[in-house]
Amino acid sequence: MDFFPSAIAFSIPLPDGSSYPIYWYGILIVVGALAGAYVATLEAKRRGIDPDHVWNGLLLALVFGVIGARLYHVVSSPRGSSIGFDYYLANPLEILNFRQGGLGIYGAVVGGVLGIFLYTRLIRLDAEHWLPRALAAIFRFEWKTVNISVLQLIDLGAPGLAIGQAIGRWGNFFNQELYGYPTTFPWGIPIDAAHRLPMFSDVTQYPVETTRFHPTFLYESLWNLATAIILLLVARRWHKAKPGDLLLLWGVAYGLGRFLVEFQRPDAWMISGIATAQLIGIALVVLCGVALMYRHTGPSKAQLAAERAKQRRQPRKQ
């Protein structure tokens, strides 16, 4: 790959003679969300759930997901960048400048889950509740109370989340960001001088014509695609799966993948010398893994194992 991609997909002419640019990053985020939602509708049909709940819940999930993703970015402080928490503290209005970029997947997931939770609470309200009455009056439709759990809807969206991540990561390619350290591997990508991190800005040491970098975005994209395939297979073949298991499996898979990918993130947000995303990734692996084991071994077996461990720690009586 010997070309430098443009972040702008196309521009819309304006009456004053200027133009409004539309970025590849935004397009791919939207395409990823729609593709993920479509996969979720297929899962809903397979499980006998009305797929309209996927599209209806998607709106709240996207709204809260974008808010969460932006807030995660705001509180972070990437290395090699002047735009971090201190910058937004001094320029609070810039928090609303989404076109400047900056979204964090961990925040997006937390916000998206919150949006789905609110949606499931909403559709379980009785038609006589003030909120359903107001919504039905405004949009003129018949309110139907539906009893669907948040875990059911989240499981529908877990494979789609991974697919959306796999597609959305390609926005980083067009922005010439999320690349790693220099490499001689044949799949290395060039980065022009304007998009170099400070540590690679010396073009005499890292010539633009010959220096290639690890495509970190590609590594994560492929990992997410593999995760989506695994989750879809598990959803069809693991008959003992419980509602919420797919989200836990996503947490284990993505946490592990993000931990590995962060080794190729020279711009990572660090805490005590460790990438914050790695700390969160390991926490996801441990918490989600333990939760899965606990749910399928049962509390009685877990308690028995804890009791045996306690007995082994106690000194034997002479």
C-alpha atoms as a PDB file:
ATOM      1  CA  MET A   1       0.000   0.000   0.000  1.00  0.00           C
ATOM      2  CA  ASP A   2       1.819   3.086  -1.273  1.00  0.00           C
ATOM      3  CA  PHE A   3      -0.906   5.714  -1.098  1.00  0.00           C
ATOM      4  CA  PHE A   4      -2.258   7.996   1.616  1.00  0.00           C
ATOM      5  CA  PRO A   5      -6.047   7.758   2.063  1.00  0.00           C
ATOM      6  CA  SER A   6      -8.208  10.845   2.404  1.00  0.00           C
ATOM      7  CA  ALA A   7     -10.377  11.192   5.494  1.00  0.00           C
ATOM      8  CA  ILE A   8     -13.066  12.952   3.410  1.00  0.00           C
ATOM      9  CA  ALA A   9     -15.412  10.728   1.389  1.00  0.00           C
ATOM     10  CA  PHE A  10     -17.151  13.614  -0.406  1.00  0.00           C
ATOM     11  CA  SER A  11     -18.222  17.209   0.161  1.00  0.00           C
ATOM     12  CA  ILE A  12     -21.656  18.815  -0.081  1.00  0.00           C
ATOM     13  CA  PRO A  13     -21.657  22.209  -1.831  1.00  0.00           C
ATOM     14  CA  LEU A  14     -23.194  25.041   0.213  1.00  0.00           C
ATOM     15  CA  PRO A  15     -24.977  28.190  -1.080  1.00  0.00           C
ATOM     16  CA  ASP A  16     -22.159  30.452   0.119  1.00  0.00           C
ATOM     17  CA  GLY A  17     -19.683  28.692  -2.163  1.00  0.00           C
ATOM     18  CA  SER A  18     -18.048  26.608   0.553  1.00  0.00           C
ATOM     19  CA  SER A  19     -18.580  22.899   1.105  1.00  0.00           C
ATOM     20  CA  TYR A  20     -19.468  20.588   3.985  1.00  0.00           C
ATOM     21  CA  PRO A  21     -17.157  17.553   4.172  1.00  0.00           C
ATOM     22  CA  ILE A  22     -18.514  14.085   4.949  1.00  0.00           C
ATOM     23  CA  TYR A  23     -15.880  11.870   6.536  1.00  0.00           C
ATOM     24  CA  TRP A  24     -15.252   8.186   5.957  1.00  0.00           C
ATOM     25  CA  TYR A  25     -15.050   7.689   9.727  1.00  0.00           C
ATOM     26  CA  GLY A  26     -18.660   8.745  10.254  1.00  0.00           C
ATOM     27  CA  ILE A  27     -19.879   6.764   7.248  1.00  0.00           C
ATOM     28  CA  LEU A  28     -18.209   3.578   8.447  1.00  0.00           C
ATOM     29  CA  ILE A  29     -19.513   4.022  12.002  1.00  0.00           C
ATOM     30  CA  VAL A  30     -23.059   4.263  10.639  1.00  0.00           C
ATOM     31  CA  VAL A  31     -22.543   1.346   8.229  1.00  0.00           C
ATOM     32  CA  GLY A  32     -21.134  -0.750  11.070  1.00  0.00           C
ATOM     33  CA  ALA A  33     -24.103   0.057  13.310  1.00  0.00           C
ATOM     34  CA  LEU A  34     -26.609  -0.799  10.575  1.00  0.00           C
ATOM     35  CA  ALA A  35     -24.808  -4.013   9.650  1.00  0.00           C
ATOM     36  CA  GLY A  36     -24.687  -5.048  13.301  1.00  0.00           C
ATOM     37  CA  ALA A  37     -28.386  -4.261  13.736  1.00  0.00           C
ATOM     38  CA  TYR A  38     -29.257  -6.304  10.625  1.00  0.00           C
ATOM     39  CA  VAL A  39     -27.412  -9.322  12.024  1.00  0.00           C
ATOM     40  CA  ALA A  40     -29.306  -8.798  15.281  1.00  0.00           C
ATOM     41  CA  THR A  41     -32.629  -8.894  13.405  1.00  0.00           C
ATOM     42  CA  LEU A  42     -31.659 -12.251  11.885  1.00  0.00           C
ATOM     43  CA  GLU A  43     -30.909 -13.547  15.376  1.00  0.00           C
ATOM     44  CA  ALA A  44     -34.228 -12.143  16.623  1.00  0.00           C
ATOM     45  CA  LYS A  45     -36.177 -13.974  13.900  1.00  0.00           C
ATOM     46  CA  ARG A  46     -34.331 -17.198  14.683  1.00  0.00           C
ATOM     47  CA  ARG A  47     -35.285 -16.897  18.346  1.00  0.00           C
ATOM     48  CA  GLY A  48     -38.892 -15.940  17.659  1.00  0.00           C
ATOM     49  CA  ILE A  49     -38.515 -12.317  18.807  1.00  0.00           C
ATOM     50  CA  ASP A  50     -40.034  -9.427  16.871  1.00  0.00           C
ATOM     51  CA  PRO A  51     -37.068  -7.889  14.947  1.00  0.00           C
ATOM     52  CA  ASP A  52     -38.689  -4.449  15.249  1.00  0.00           C
ATOM     53  CA  HIS A  53     -37.373  -4.371  18.810  1.00  0.00           C
ATOM     54  CA  VAL A  54     -33.851  -4.380  17.394  1.00  0.00           C
ATOM     55  CA  TRP A  55     -34.432  -1.290  15.247  1.00  0.00           C
ATOM     56  CA  ASN A  56     -36.409   0.465  17.977  1.00  0.00           C
ATOM     57  CA  GLY A  57     -33.795  -0.253  20.630  1.00  0.00           C
ATOM     58  CA  LEU A  58     -30.991   0.709  18.250  1.00  0.00           C
ATOM     59  CA  LEU A  59     -31.946   4.394  18.442  1.00  0.00           C
ATOM     60  CA  LEU A  60     -31.518   4.591  22.213  1.00  0.00           C
ATOM     61  CA  ALA A  61     -28.424   2.382  22.077  1.00  0.00           C
ATOM     62  CA  LEU A  62     -26.807   4.677  19.499  1.00  0.00           C
ATOM     63  CA  VAL A  63     -27.667   7.884  21.349  1.00  0.00           C
ATOM     64  CA  PHE A  64     -26.326   6.682  24.690  1.00  0.00           C
ATOM     65  CA  GLY A  65     -23.494   4.794  22.991  1.00  0.00           C
ATOM     66  CA  VAL A  66     -22.201   7.935  21.279  1.00  0.00           C
ATOM     67  CA  ILE A  67     -22.464   9.900  24.520  1.00  0.00           C
ATOM     68  CA  GLY A  68     -20.588   7.192  26.424  1.00  0.00           C
ATOM     69  CA  ALA A  69     -17.945   6.881  23.711  1.00  0.00           C
ATOM     70  CA  ARG A  70     -17.348  10.620  23.707  1.00  0.00           C
ATOM     71  CA  LEU A  71     -17.109  10.833  27.494  1.00  0.00           C
ATOM     72  CA  TYR A  72     -14.550   8.014  27.558  1.00  0.00           C
ATOM     73  CA  HIS A  73     -12.470   9.916  25.011  1.00  0.00           C
ATOM     74  CA  VAL A  74     -12.785  13.164  26.967  1.00  0.00           C
ATOM     75  CA  VAL A  75     -11.423  11.705  30.213  1.00  0.00           C
ATOM     76  CA  SER A  76      -8.567   9.903  28.449  1.00  0.00           C
ATOM     77  CA  SER A  77      -5.159  11.421  27.759  1.00  0.00           C
ATOM     78  CA  PRO A  78      -3.437   9.645  24.827  1.00  0.00           C
ATOM     79  CA  ARG A  79       0.319   9.845  24.574  1.00  0.00           C
ATOM     80  CA  GLY A  80       1.686  12.091  21.844  1.00  0.00           C
ATOM     81  CA  SER A  81      -1.485  14.189  21.667  1.00  0.00           C
ATOM     82  CA  SER A  82      -2.263  17.631  23.035  1.00  0.00           C
ATOM     83  CA  ILE A  83      -5.971  16.781  23.117  1.00  0.00           C
ATOM     84  CA  GLY A  84      -6.820  15.062  26.380  1.00  0.00           C
ATOM     85  CA  PHE A  85      -8.702  15.601  29.621  1.00  0.00           C
ATOM     86  CA  ASP A  86      -6.845  18.835  30.442  1.00  0.00           C
ATOM     87  CA  TYR A  87      -7.644  20.210  26.971  1.00  0.00           C
ATOM     88  CA  TYR A  88     -11.373  19.552  27.354  1.00  0.00           C
ATOM     89  CA  LEU A  89     -11.306  20.911  30.890  1.00  0.00           C
ATOM     90  CA  ALA A  90      -9.978  24.189  29.510  1.00  0.00           C
ATOM     91  CA  ASN A  91     -12.259  24.077  26.426  1.00  0.00           C
ATOM     92  CA  PRO A  92     -15.527  22.446  27.572  1.00  0.00           C
ATOM     93  CA  LEU A  93     -17.448  23.390  24.432  1.00  0.00           C
ATOM     94  CA  GLU A  94     -15.048  21.248  22.403  1.00  0.00           C
ATOM     95  CA  ILE A  95     -16.605  18.202  24.061  1.00  0.00           C
ATOM     96  CA  LEU A  96     -19.548  18.714  21.695  1.00  0.00           C
ATOM     97  CA  ASN A  97     -17.296  18.953  18.642  1.00  0.00           C
ATOM     98  CA  PHE A  98     -17.733  15.358  17.477  1.00  0.00           C
ATOM     99  CA  ARG A  99     -16.307  16.193  14.073  1.00  0.00           C
ATOM    100  CA  GLN A 100     -12.942  16.669  15.713  1.00  0.00           C
ATOM    101  CA  GLY A 101     -13.029  12.946  16.403  1.00  0.00           C
ATOM    102  CA  GLY A 102     -12.472  10.958  19.512  1.00  0.00           C
ATOM    103  CA  LEU A 103     -14.692   8.037  20.513  1.00  0.00           C
ATOM    104  CA  GLY A 104     -13.894   5.209  22.919  1.00  0.00           C
ATOM    105  CA  ILE A 105     -15.366   1.737  22.444  1.00  0.00           C
ATOM    106  CA  TYR A 106     -15.545   0.973  26.161  1.00  0.00           C
ATOM    107  CA  GLY A 107     -17.683   4.048  26.721  1.00  0.00           C
ATOM    108  CA  ALA A 108     -19.788   3.166  23.681  1.00  0.00           C
ATOM    109  CA  VAL A 109     -20.551  -0.306  25.054  1.00  0.00           C
ATOM    110  CA  VAL A 110     -21.503   1.000  28.499  1.00  0.00           C
ATOM    111  CA  GLY A 111     -23.718   3.667  26.950  1.00  0.00           C
ATOM    112  CA  GLY A 112     -25.270   1.216  24.481  1.00  0.00           C
ATOM    113  CA  VAL A 113     -26.123  -1.255  27.248  1.00  0.00           C
ATOM    114  CA  LEU A 114     -27.715   1.581  29.217  1.00  0.00           C
ATOM    115  CA  GLY A 115     -29.781   2.544  26.166  1.00  0.00           C
ATOM    116  CA  ILE A 116     -31.014  -1.040  25.702  1.00  0.00           C
ATOM    117  CA  PHE A 117     -31.822  -1.270  29.412  1.00  0.00           C
ATOM    118  CA  LEU A 118     -33.946   1.886  29.198  1.00  0.00           C
ATOM    119  CA  TYR A 119     -35.696   0.543  26.087  1.00  0.00           C
ATOM    120  CA  THR A 120     -36.627  -2.751  27.758  1.00  0.00           C
ATOM    121  CA  ARG A 121     -37.916  -0.847  30.781  1.00  0.00           C
ATOM    122  CA  LEU A 122     -39.954   1.355  28.471  1.00  0.00           C
ATOM    123  CA  ILE A 123     -41.677  -1.421  26.507  1.00  0.00           C
ATOM    124  CA  ARG A 124     -42.610  -3.221  29.728  1.00  0.00           C
ATOM    125  CA  LEU A 125     -44.619  -0.247  30.990  1.00  0.00           C
ATOM    126  CA  ASP A 126     -48.373  -0.633  31.142  1.00  0.00           C
ATOM    127  CA  ALA A 127     -50.282   1.281  28.457  1.00  0.00           C
ATOM    128  CA  GLU A 128     -51.924   3.394  31.172  1.00  0.00           C
ATOM    129  CA  HIS A 129     -48.585   4.767  32.372  1.00  0.00           C
ATOM    130  CA  TRP A 130     -48.145   8.475  31.627  1.00  0.00           C
ATOM    131  CA  LEU A 131     -45.104   7.940  29.391  1.00  0.00           C
ATOM    132  CA  PRO A 132     -46.699   5.395  27.006  1.00  0.00           C
ATOM    133  CA  ARG A 133     -49.818   7.590  26.839  1.00  0.00           C
ATOM    134  CA  ALA A 134     -47.705  10.614  25.906  1.00  0.00           C
ATOM    135  CA  LEU A 135     -45.667   8.738  23.290  1.00  0.00           C
ATOM    136  CA  ALA A 136     -48.760   7.106  21.782  1.00  0.00           C
ATOM    137  CA  ALA A 137     -50.457  10.504  21.544  1.00  0.00           C
ATOM    138  CA  ILE A 138     -47.451  12.196  19.934  1.00  0.00           C
ATOM    139  CA  PHE A 139     -46.634   9.471  17.406  1.00  0.00           C
ATOM    140  CA  ARG A 140     -50.205   8.140  17.096  1.00  0.00           C
ATOM    141  CA  PHE A 141     -49.700   4.407  17.460  1.00  0.00           C
ATOM    142  CA  GLU A 142     -51.136   1.698  19.686  1.00  0.00           C
ATOM    143  CA  TRP A 143     -48.944   0.948  22.693  1.00  0.00           C
ATOM    144  CA  LYS A 144     -48.296  -2.736  23.334  1.00  0.00           C
ATOM    145  CA  THR A 145     -46.719  -3.920  26.556  1.00  0.00           C
ATOM    146  CA  VAL A 146     -43.932  -6.428  25.808  1.00  0.00           C
ATOM    147  CA  ASN A 147     -42.047  -8.520  28.339  1.00  0.00           C
ATOM    148  CA  ILE A 148     -38.509  -8.829  26.954  1.00  0.00           C
ATOM    149  CA  SER A 149     -35.500  -8.831  29.249  1.00  0.00           C
ATOM    150  CA  VAL A 150     -32.504  -6.602  28.736  1.00  0.00           C
ATOM    151  CA  LEU A 151     -30.243  -9.684  28.590  1.00  0.00           C
ATOM    152  CA  GLN A 152     -32.267 -11.131  25.709  1.00  0.00           C
ATOM    153  CA  LEU A 153     -31.869  -7.979  23.631  1.00  0.00           C
ATOM    154  CA  ILE A 154     -28.201  -7.584  24.537  1.00  0.00           C
ATOM    155  CA  ASP A 155     -27.512 -11.157  23.416  1.00  0.00           C
ATOM    156  CA  LEU A 156     -29.157 -10.386  20.087  1.00  0.00           C
ATOM    157  CA  GLY A 157     -26.813  -7.452  19.654  1.00  0.00           C
ATOM    158  CA  ALA A 158     -23.552  -9.005  20.879  1.00  0.00           C
ATOM    159  CA  PRO A 159     -22.492 -10.534  17.507  1.00  0.00           C
ATOM    160  CA  GLY A 160     -23.657  -7.373  15.751  1.00  0.00           C
ATOM    161  CA  LEU A 161     -21.550  -5.275  18.119  1.00  0.00           C
ATOM    162  CA  ALA A 162     -18.450  -7.193  17.082  1.00  0.00           C
ATOM    163  CA  ILE A 163     -19.352  -6.798  13.393  1.00  0.00           C
ATOM    164  CA  GLY A 164     -19.922  -3.075  13.855  1.00  0.00           C
ATOM    165  CA  GLN A 165     -16.525  -2.769  15.530  1.00  0.00           C
ATOM    166  CA  ALA A 166     -14.856  -4.680  12.691  1.00  0.00           C
ATOM    167  CA  ILE A 167     -16.325  -2.294  10.103  1.00  0.00           C
ATOM    168  CA  GLY A 168     -15.956   0.899  12.124  1.00  0.00           C
ATOM    169  CA  ARG A 169     -12.231   0.335  12.719  1.00  0.00           C
ATOM    170  CA  TRP A 170     -11.602   1.026   9.031  1.00  0.00           C
ATOM    171  CA  GLY A 171     -12.457   4.647   9.731  1.00  0.00           C
ATOM    172  CA  ASN A 172      -9.093   4.797  11.502  1.00  0.00           C
ATOM    173  CA  PHE A 173      -7.422   3.740   8.247  1.00  0.00           C
ATOM    174  CA  PHE A 174      -8.867   6.714   6.359  1.00  0.00           C
ATOM    175  CA  ASN A 175      -7.936   9.040   9.228  1.00  0.00           C
ATOM    176  CA  GLN A 176      -4.374   7.644   9.221  1.00  0.00           C
ATOM    177  CA  GLU A 177      -4.584   6.869  12.928  1.00  0.00           C
ATOM    178  CA  LEU A 178      -4.482   3.829  15.197  1.00  0.00           C
ATOM    179  CA  TYR A 179      -1.244   2.568  13.691  1.00  0.00           C
ATOM    180  CA  GLY A 180       1.608   0.910  15.533  1.00  0.00           C
ATOM    181  CA  TYR A 181       5.371   0.969  15.544  1.00  0.00           C
ATOM    182  CA  PRO A 182       7.513   0.863  12.381  1.00  0.00           C
ATOM    183  CA  THR A 183       7.691  -2.537  10.734  1.00  0.00           C
ATOM    184  CA  THR A 184       9.271  -4.288   7.767  1.00  0.00           C
ATOM    185  CA  PHE A 185       6.352  -6.711   7.408  1.00  0.00           C
ATOM    186  CA  PRO A 186       4.798  -6.678   3.920  1.00  0.00           C
ATOM    187  CA  TRP A 187       1.431  -5.543   5.270  1.00  0.00           C
ATOM    188  CA  GLY A 188       2.873  -2.389   6.855  1.00  0.00           C
ATOM    189  CA  ILE A 189       1.167   0.881   5.879  1.00  0.00           C
ATOM    190  CA  PRO A 190       2.651   4.331   5.147  1.00  0.00           C
ATOM    191  CA  ILE A 191       1.662   7.372   7.216  1.00  0.00           C
ATOM    192  CA  ASP A 192       2.242  10.854   5.869  1.00  0.00           C
ATOM    193  CA  ALA A 193       4.176  13.437   7.889  1.00  0.00           C
ATOM    194  CA  ALA A 194       1.069  15.395   8.879  1.00  0.00           C
ATOM    195  CA  HIS A 195      -0.438  12.377  10.683  1.00  0.00           C
ATOM    196  CA  ARG A 196       2.694  11.154  12.436  1.00  0.00           C
ATOM    197  CA  LEU A 197       2.870  10.876  16.202  1.00  0.00           C
ATOM    198  CA  PRO A 198       5.602  13.111  17.684  1.00  0.00           C
ATOM    199  CA  MET A 199       7.856  10.111  18.298  1.00  0.00           C
ATOM    200  CA  PHE A 200       7.845   9.351  14.544  1.00  0.00           C
ATOM    201  CA  SER A 201       7.816  12.920  13.209  1.00  0.00           C
ATOM    202  CA  ASP A 202      11.520  12.975  12.315  1.00  0.00           C
ATOM    203  CA  VAL A 203      11.324  12.178   8.596  1.00  0.00           C
ATOM    204  CA  THR A 204      15.101  11.827   8.355  1.00  0.00           C
ATOM    205  CA  GLN A 205      14.969   8.920  10.788  1.00  0.00           C
ATOM    206  CA  TYR A 206      11.593   7.677   9.522  1.00  0.00           C
ATOM    207  CA  PRO A 207      11.413   8.657   5.815  1.00  0.00           C
ATOM    208  CA  VAL A 208       7.876   8.980   4.493  1.00  0.00           C
ATOM    209  CA  GLU A 209       8.796   7.119   1.300  1.00  0.00           C
ATOM    210  CA  THR A 210      10.147   3.993   2.967  1.00  0.00           C
ATOM    211  CA  THR A 211       8.820   3.787   6.549  1.00  0.00           C
ATOM    212  CA  ARG A 212       5.881   1.468   7.168  1.00  0.00           C
ATOM    213  CA  PHE A 213       3.853   1.016  10.345  1.00  0.00           C
ATOM    214  CA  HIS A 214       1.861  -1.806  11.869  1.00  0.00           C
ATOM    215  CA  PRO A 215      -1.830  -1.468  10.848  1.00  0.00           C
ATOM    216  CA  THR A 216      -3.133  -1.756  14.404  1.00  0.00           C
ATOM    217  CA  PHE A 217      -6.665  -0.936  13.284  1.00  0.00           C
ATOM    218  CA  LEU A 218      -6.553  -3.980  10.974  1.00  0.00           C
ATOM    219  CA  TYR A 219      -5.469  -6.319  13.755  1.00  0.00           C
ATOM    220  CA  GLU A 220      -8.404  -5.254  15.902  1.00  0.00           C
ATOM    221  CA  SER A 221     -10.809  -5.349  12.962  1.00  0.00           C
ATOM    222  CA  LEU A 222      -9.884  -8.960  12.130  1.00  0.00           C
ATOM    223  CA  TRP A 223     -10.091  -9.954  15.803  1.00  0.00           C
ATOM    224  CA  ASN A 224     -13.576  -8.439  16.031  1.00  0.00           C
ATOM    225  CA  LEU A 225     -14.675 -10.241  12.878  1.00  0.00           C
ATOM    226  CA  ALA A 226     -13.467 -13.556  14.313  1.00  0.00           C
ATOM    227  CA  THR A 227     -15.282 -12.746  17.569  1.00  0.00           C
ATOM    228  CA  ALA A 228     -18.532 -12.130  15.687  1.00  0.00           C
ATOM    229  CA  ILE A 229     -18.254 -15.482  13.891  1.00  0.00           C
ATOM    230  CA  ILE A 230     -17.564 -17.309  17.163  1.00  0.00           C
ATOM    231  CA  LEU A 231     -20.523 -15.636  18.887  1.00  0.00           C
ATOM    232  CA  LEU A 232     -22.868 -16.554  16.039  1.00  0.00           C
ATOM    233  CA  LEU A 233     -21.699 -20.170  16.174  1.00  0.00           C
ATOM    234  CA  VAL A 234     -22.101 -20.284  19.946  1.00  0.00           C
ATOM    235  CA  ALA A 235     -25.600 -18.791  19.697  1.00  0.00           C
ATOM    236  CA  ARG A 236     -26.626 -21.634  17.377  1.00  0.00           C
ATOM    237  CA  ARG A 237     -24.812 -24.578  18.904  1.00  0.00           C
ATOM    238  CA  TRP A 238     -24.509 -23.953  22.649  1.00  0.00           C
ATOM    239  CA  HIS A 239     -27.943 -25.089  23.777  1.00  0.00           C
ATOM    240  CA  LYS A 240     -27.185 -24.541  27.471  1.00  0.00           C
ATOM    241  CA  ALA A 241     -26.456 -20.853  26.950  1.00  0.00           C
ATOM    242  CA  LYS A 242     -28.361 -18.465  29.201  1.00  0.00           C
ATOM    243  CA  PRO A 243     -29.507 -14.913  28.452  1.00  0.00           C
ATOM    244  CA  GLY A 244     -26.487 -12.652  28.836  1.00  0.00           C
ATOM    245  CA  ASP A 245     -23.902 -15.334  28.017  1.00  0.00           C
ATOM    246  CA  LEU A 246     -23.096 -13.860  24.604  1.00  0.00           C
ATOM    247  CA  LEU A 247     -22.327 -10.483  26.155  1.00  0.00           C
ATOM    248  CA  LEU A 248     -20.018 -12.191  28.659  1.00  0.00           C
ATOM    249  CA  LEU A 249     -18.313 -14.107  25.849  1.00  0.00           C
ATOM    250  CA  TRP A 250     -17.875 -10.843  23.953  1.00  0.00           C
ATOM    251  CA  GLY A 251     -16.274  -9.363  27.067  1.00  0.00           C
ATOM    252  CA  VAL A 252     -13.784 -12.233  27.321  1.00  0.00           C
ATOM    253  CA  ALA A 253     -12.939 -12.196  23.599  1.00  0.00           C
ATOM    254  CA  TYR A 254     -12.712  -8.436  23.161  1.00  0.00           C
ATOM    255  CA  GLY A 255     -10.870  -7.923  26.431  1.00  0.00           C
ATOM    256  CA  LEU A 256      -8.210 -10.432  25.398  1.00  0.00           C
ATOM    257  CA  GLY A 257      -7.928  -8.994  21.894  1.00  0.00           C
ATOM    258  CA  ARG A 258      -7.688  -5.413  23.119  1.00  0.00           C
ATOM    259  CA  PHE A 259      -4.996  -6.406  25.630  1.00  0.00           C
ATOM    260  CA  LEU A 260      -2.894  -7.862  22.807  1.00  0.00           C
ATOM    261  CA  VAL A 261      -3.561  -5.063  20.318  1.00  0.00           C
ATOM    262  CA  GLU A 262      -2.538  -2.367  22.803  1.00  0.00           C
ATOM    263  CA  PHE A 263       1.073  -3.553  22.528  1.00  0.00           C
ATOM    264  CA  GLN A 264       0.955  -1.879  19.098  1.00  0.00           C
ATOM    265  CA  ARG A 265      -0.549   1.393  20.356  1.00  0.00           C
ATOM    266  CA  PRO A 266       2.260   3.948  20.819  1.00  0.00           C
ATOM    267  CA  ASP A 267      -0.420   6.566  21.547  1.00  0.00           C
ATOM    268  CA  ALA A 268      -2.113   4.577  24.326  1.00  0.00           C
ATOM    269  CA  TRP A 269      -3.551   6.307  27.380  1.00  0.00           C
ATOM    270  CA  MET A 270      -1.286   5.137  30.211  1.00  0.00           C
ATOM    271  CA  ILE A 271      -1.865   4.722  33.937  1.00  0.00           C
ATOM    272  CA  SER A 272       1.235   3.912  36.014  1.00  0.00           C
ATOM    273  CA  GLY A 273       3.064   2.815  32.873  1.00  0.00           C
ATOM    274  CA  ILE A 274       0.316   0.427  31.724  1.00  0.00           C
ATOM    275  CA  ALA A 275      -2.144   1.087  28.920  1.00  0.00           C
ATOM    276  CA  THR A 276      -5.554   1.861  30.412  1.00  0.00           C
ATOM    277  CA  ALA A 277      -7.268  -0.197  27.723  1.00  0.00           C
ATOM    278  CA  GLN A 278      -5.145  -3.192  28.757  1.00  0.00           C
ATOM    279  CA  LEU A 279      -6.199  -2.815  32.374  1.00  0.00           C
ATOM    280  CA  ILE A 280      -9.850  -2.648  31.344  1.00  0.00           C
ATOM    281  CA  GLY A 281      -9.339  -5.547  28.919  1.00  0.00           C
ATOM    282  CA  ILE A 282      -7.894  -7.826  31.597  1.00  0.00           C
ATOM    283  CA  ALA A 283     -10.660  -6.794  33.990  1.00  0.00           C
ATOM    284  CA  LEU A 284     -13.211  -7.763  31.316  1.00  0.00           C
ATOM    285  CA  VAL A 285     -11.594 -11.156  30.763  1.00  0.00           C
ATOM    286  CA  VAL A 286     -11.513 -11.944  34.477  1.00  0.00           C
ATOM    287  CA  LEU A 287     -14.950 -10.600  35.425  1.00  0.00           C
ATOM    288  CA  CYS A 288     -16.799 -11.980  32.406  1.00  0.00           C
ATOM    289  CA  GLY A 289     -14.934 -15.298  32.570  1.00  0.00           C
ATOM    290  CA  VAL A 290     -15.704 -15.764  36.269  1.00  0.00           C
ATOM    291  CA  ALA A 291     -19.337 -14.787  35.702  1.00  0.00           C
ATOM    292  CA  LEU A 292     -19.671 -17.378  32.929  1.00  0.00           C
ATOM    293  CA  MET A 293     -18.157 -20.105  35.088  1.00  0.00           C
ATOM    294  CA  TYR A 294     -20.327 -19.164  38.049  1.00  0.00           C
ATOM    295  CA  ARG A 295     -23.503 -19.161  35.959  1.00  0.00           C
ATOM    296  CA  HIS A 296     -22.846 -22.626  34.533  1.00  0.00           C
ATOM    297  CA  THR A 297     -21.246 -24.409  37.462  1.00  0.00           C
ATOM    298  CA  GLY A 298     -23.906 -23.176  39.862  1.00  0.00           C
ATOM    299  CA  PRO A 299     -23.512 -21.409  43.199  1.00  0.00           C
ATOM    300  CA  SER A 300     -23.464 -24.690  45.106  1.00  0.00           C
ATOM    301  CA  LYS A 301     -20.325 -25.941  43.333  1.00  0.00           C
ATOM    302  CA  ALA A 302     -18.660 -22.548  43.669  1.00  0.00           C
ATOM    303  CA  GLN A 303     -19.400 -22.460  47.376  1.00  0.00           C
ATOM    304  CA  LEU A 304     -18.104 -26.021  47.760  1.00  0.00           C
ATOM    305  CA  ALA A 305     -14.819 -25.087  46.064  1.00  0.00           C
ATOM    306  CA  ALA A 306     -14.469 -22.025  48.315  1.00  0.00           C
ATOM    307  CA  GLU A 307     -15.153 -24.128  51.403  1.00  0.00           C
ATOM    308  CA  ARG A 308     -12.530 -26.687  50.394  1.00  0.00           C
ATOM    309  CA  ALA A 309      -9.986 -23.918  49.815  1.00  0.00           C
ATOM    310  CA  LYS A 310     -10.802 -22.496  53.243  1.00  0.00           C
ATOM    311  CA  GLN A 311     -10.303 -25.892  54.860  1.00  0.00           C
ATOM    312  CA  ARG A 312      -6.908 -26.312  53.191  1.00  0.00           C
ATOM    313  CA  ARG A 313      -5.759 -22.964  54.591  1.00  0.00           C
ATOM    314  CA  GLN A 314      -6.717 -23.915  58.149  1.00  0.00           C
ATOM    315  CA  PRO A 315      -3.939 -25.590  60.242  1.00  0.00           C
ATOM    316  CA  ARG A 316      -4.501 -29.225  61.029  1.00  0.00           C
ATOM    317  CA  LYS A 317      -5.138 -30.167  64.637  1.00  0.00           C
ATOM    318  CA  GLN A 318      -2.411 -32.264  66.267  1.00  0.00           C
END
